[in-house]
Amino acid sequence: MKNISKLILTFVFGTMAFGFQAKAEDFPADIKPLMTKYTCFACHKVDARLVGPAYKDVAKKKYSVDKIVALIAKPQPANWPGYPPMAPMTVPKEDAVKLAKYINSLK
């Protein structure tokens, strides 16, 4: 039941944030399709808090690429107090690695 509540909460916040999506020009051409496919735009922007943290704030945590990939698949809400918990995302490792490298490039 707890996981369903988290999913519903993530969906509701994601839906509310849909009108405040990150601008397409904020993302490199090779990253934009991945962000769209995996609905990252619904909750994240490059340099501003939306539902989730800004990617630049994630980069400041200096997570390794492997750690970001793991957090995409199995988020740890304790890492981001004050934010709604992210739902686990099913992203193939190859795509998750590309996203993680992009995030880390924002340091």
C-alpha atoms as a PDB file:
ATOM      1  CA  MET A   1       0.000   0.000   0.000  1.00  0.00           C
ATOM      2  CA  LYS A   2       2.852   2.383   0.843  1.00  0.00           C
ATOM      3  CA  ASN A   3       4.420   1.931  -2.622  1.00  0.00           C
ATOM      4  CA  ILE A   4       1.071   2.600  -4.293  1.00  0.00           C
ATOM      5  CA  SER A   5       0.720   5.804  -2.280  1.00  0.00           C
ATOM      6  CA  LYS A   6       4.197   6.903  -3.379  1.00  0.00           C
ATOM      7  CA  LEU A   7       3.360   6.178  -7.009  1.00  0.00           C
ATOM      8  CA  ILE A   8       0.115   8.110  -6.786  1.00  0.00           C
ATOM      9  CA  LEU A   9       1.890  11.022  -5.096  1.00  0.00           C
ATOM     10  CA  THR A  10       4.594  11.054  -7.780  1.00  0.00           C
ATOM     11  CA  PHE A  11       1.970  10.916 -10.525  1.00  0.00           C
ATOM     12  CA  VAL A  12      -0.066  13.748  -9.002  1.00  0.00           C
ATOM     13  CA  PHE A  13       2.963  16.000  -8.567  1.00  0.00           C
ATOM     14  CA  GLY A  14       4.233  15.060 -12.015  1.00  0.00           C
ATOM     15  CA  THR A  15       0.879  15.876 -13.558  1.00  0.00           C
ATOM     16  CA  MET A  16       0.739  19.210 -11.717  1.00  0.00           C
ATOM     17  CA  ALA A  17       4.228  20.046 -12.907  1.00  0.00           C
ATOM     18  CA  PHE A  18       3.490  19.140 -16.522  1.00  0.00           C
ATOM     19  CA  GLY A  19       2.608  22.750 -17.300  1.00  0.00           C
ATOM     20  CA  PHE A  20       5.983  23.814 -15.888  1.00  0.00           C
ATOM     21  CA  GLN A  21       8.174  21.519 -17.942  1.00  0.00           C
ATOM     22  CA  ALA A  22      11.819  22.198 -18.502  1.00  0.00           C
ATOM     23  CA  LYS A  23      12.414  24.053 -21.724  1.00  0.00           C
ATOM     24  CA  ALA A  24      13.593  21.895 -24.607  1.00  0.00           C
ATOM     25  CA  GLU A  25      16.598  24.151 -25.128  1.00  0.00           C
ATOM     26  CA  ASP A  26      17.784  23.304 -21.613  1.00  0.00           C
ATOM     27  CA  PHE A  27      18.805  19.846 -22.821  1.00  0.00           C
ATOM     28  CA  PRO A  28      21.326  18.643 -25.425  1.00  0.00           C
ATOM     29  CA  ALA A  29      19.810  17.084 -28.541  1.00  0.00           C
ATOM     30  CA  ASP A  30      20.885  13.548 -27.586  1.00  0.00           C
ATOM     31  CA  ILE A  31      19.481  13.855 -24.058  1.00  0.00           C
ATOM     32  CA  LYS A  32      16.161  15.518 -24.864  1.00  0.00           C
ATOM     33  CA  PRO A  33      14.569  12.361 -26.390  1.00  0.00           C
ATOM     34  CA  LEU A  34      15.538  10.335 -23.314  1.00  0.00           C
ATOM     35  CA  MET A  35      14.125  12.963 -20.958  1.00  0.00           C
ATOM     36  CA  THR A  36      10.894  12.898 -22.936  1.00  0.00           C
ATOM     37  CA  LYS A  37      10.678   9.108 -23.172  1.00  0.00           C
ATOM     38  CA  TYR A  38      11.178   8.604 -19.433  1.00  0.00           C
ATOM     39  CA  THR A  39       9.067  11.665 -18.414  1.00  0.00           C
ATOM     40  CA  CYS A  40      11.962  13.368 -16.620  1.00  0.00           C
ATOM     41  CA  PHE A  41      10.641  16.755 -17.782  1.00  0.00           C
ATOM     42  CA  ALA A  42       7.582  16.320 -15.576  1.00  0.00           C
ATOM     43  CA  CYS A  43       9.575  16.694 -12.366  1.00  0.00           C
ATOM     44  CA  HIS A  44      13.037  18.089 -13.131  1.00  0.00           C
ATOM     45  CA  LYS A  45      14.649  21.170 -14.633  1.00  0.00           C
ATOM     46  CA  VAL A  46      18.310  21.900 -15.165  1.00  0.00           C
ATOM     47  CA  ASP A  47      18.740  24.775 -12.748  1.00  0.00           C
ATOM     48  CA  ALA A  48      15.535  25.125 -10.750  1.00  0.00           C
ATOM     49  CA  ARG A  49      13.545  23.027  -8.349  1.00  0.00           C
ATOM     50  CA  LEU A  50      10.320  21.703  -9.785  1.00  0.00           C
ATOM     51  CA  VAL A  51       8.752  18.657  -8.156  1.00  0.00           C
ATOM     52  CA  GLY A  52      12.187  17.088  -7.889  1.00  0.00           C
ATOM     53  CA  PRO A  53      15.593  18.678  -7.456  1.00  0.00           C
ATOM     54  CA  ALA A  54      17.313  20.577 -10.242  1.00  0.00           C
ATOM     55  CA  TYR A  55      19.840  18.501 -12.136  1.00  0.00           C
ATOM     56  CA  LYS A  56      22.556  20.981 -11.140  1.00  0.00           C
ATOM     57  CA  ASP A  57      21.726  20.273  -7.486  1.00  0.00           C
ATOM     58  CA  VAL A  58      22.003  16.545  -8.139  1.00  0.00           C
ATOM     59  CA  ALA A  59      25.388  17.133  -9.801  1.00  0.00           C
ATOM     60  CA  LYS A  60      26.565  19.015  -6.697  1.00  0.00           C
ATOM     61  CA  LYS A  61      26.146  15.813  -4.677  1.00  0.00           C
ATOM     62  CA  LYS A  62      28.975  14.314  -6.773  1.00  0.00           C
ATOM     63  CA  TYR A  63      27.307  10.931  -7.157  1.00  0.00           C
ATOM     64  CA  SER A  64      29.100   8.515  -9.454  1.00  0.00           C
ATOM     65  CA  VAL A  65      27.412   7.544 -12.720  1.00  0.00           C
ATOM     66  CA  ASP A  66      26.725   4.118 -11.220  1.00  0.00           C
ATOM     67  CA  LYS A  67      25.098   5.695  -8.152  1.00  0.00           C
ATOM     68  CA  ILE A  68      22.805   7.869 -10.283  1.00  0.00           C
ATOM     69  CA  VAL A  69      21.851   4.836 -12.388  1.00  0.00           C
ATOM     70  CA  ALA A  70      21.012   2.949  -9.175  1.00  0.00           C
ATOM     71  CA  LEU A  71      18.999   5.891  -7.828  1.00  0.00           C
ATOM     72  CA  ILE A  72      16.952   6.103 -11.028  1.00  0.00           C
ATOM     73  CA  ALA A  73      15.946   2.453 -10.582  1.00  0.00           C
ATOM     74  CA  LYS A  74      15.587   2.581  -6.798  1.00  0.00           C
ATOM     75  CA  PRO A  75      15.324   6.118  -5.422  1.00  0.00           C
ATOM     76  CA  GLN A  76      16.319   6.809  -1.837  1.00  0.00           C
ATOM     77  CA  PRO A  77      14.023   9.575  -0.518  1.00  0.00           C
ATOM     78  CA  ALA A  78      16.337  10.160   2.455  1.00  0.00           C
ATOM     79  CA  ASN A  79      18.845  11.654  -0.013  1.00  0.00           C
ATOM     80  CA  TRP A  80      16.420  14.498  -0.802  1.00  0.00           C
ATOM     81  CA  PRO A  81      14.455  15.534   2.286  1.00  0.00           C
ATOM     82  CA  GLY A  82      11.776  18.084   1.551  1.00  0.00           C
ATOM     83  CA  TYR A  83      10.934  16.599  -1.841  1.00  0.00           C
ATOM     84  CA  PRO A  84       8.192  14.106  -2.648  1.00  0.00           C
ATOM     85  CA  PRO A  85       9.625  10.622  -3.145  1.00  0.00           C
ATOM     86  CA  MET A  86      10.503   9.728  -6.715  1.00  0.00           C
ATOM     87  CA  ALA A  87       8.895   6.593  -8.092  1.00  0.00           C
ATOM     88  CA  PRO A  88      11.309   3.890  -9.234  1.00  0.00           C
ATOM     89  CA  MET A  89      11.859   4.275 -12.966  1.00  0.00           C
ATOM     90  CA  THR A  90      12.397   1.448 -15.418  1.00  0.00           C
ATOM     91  CA  VAL A  91      15.143   2.854 -17.627  1.00  0.00           C
ATOM     92  CA  PRO A  92      17.496   0.571 -19.554  1.00  0.00           C
ATOM     93  CA  LYS A  93      21.028   0.808 -18.184  1.00  0.00           C
ATOM     94  CA  GLU A  94      22.446   2.261 -21.417  1.00  0.00           C
ATOM     95  CA  ASP A  95      19.948   5.141 -21.325  1.00  0.00           C
ATOM     96  CA  ALA A  96      20.337   5.638 -17.564  1.00  0.00           C
ATOM     97  CA  VAL A  97      24.119   5.922 -18.019  1.00  0.00           C
ATOM     98  CA  LYS A  98      23.642   8.617 -20.682  1.00  0.00           C
ATOM     99  CA  LEU A  99      21.310  10.537 -18.373  1.00  0.00           C
ATOM    100  CA  ALA A 100      23.704  10.176 -15.438  1.00  0.00           C
ATOM    101  CA  LYS A 101      26.667  11.417 -17.482  1.00  0.00           C
ATOM    102  CA  TYR A 102      24.640  14.398 -18.602  1.00  0.00           C
ATOM    103  CA  ILE A 103      23.643  15.213 -15.018  1.00  0.00           C
ATOM    104  CA  ASN A 104      27.264  14.977 -13.856  1.00  0.00           C
ATOM    105  CA  SER A 105      28.340  17.258 -16.702  1.00  0.00           C
ATOM    106  CA  LEU A 106      26.415  20.088 -15.066  1.00  0.00           C
ATOM    107  CA  LYS A 107      28.899  20.505 -12.186  1.00  0.00           C
END
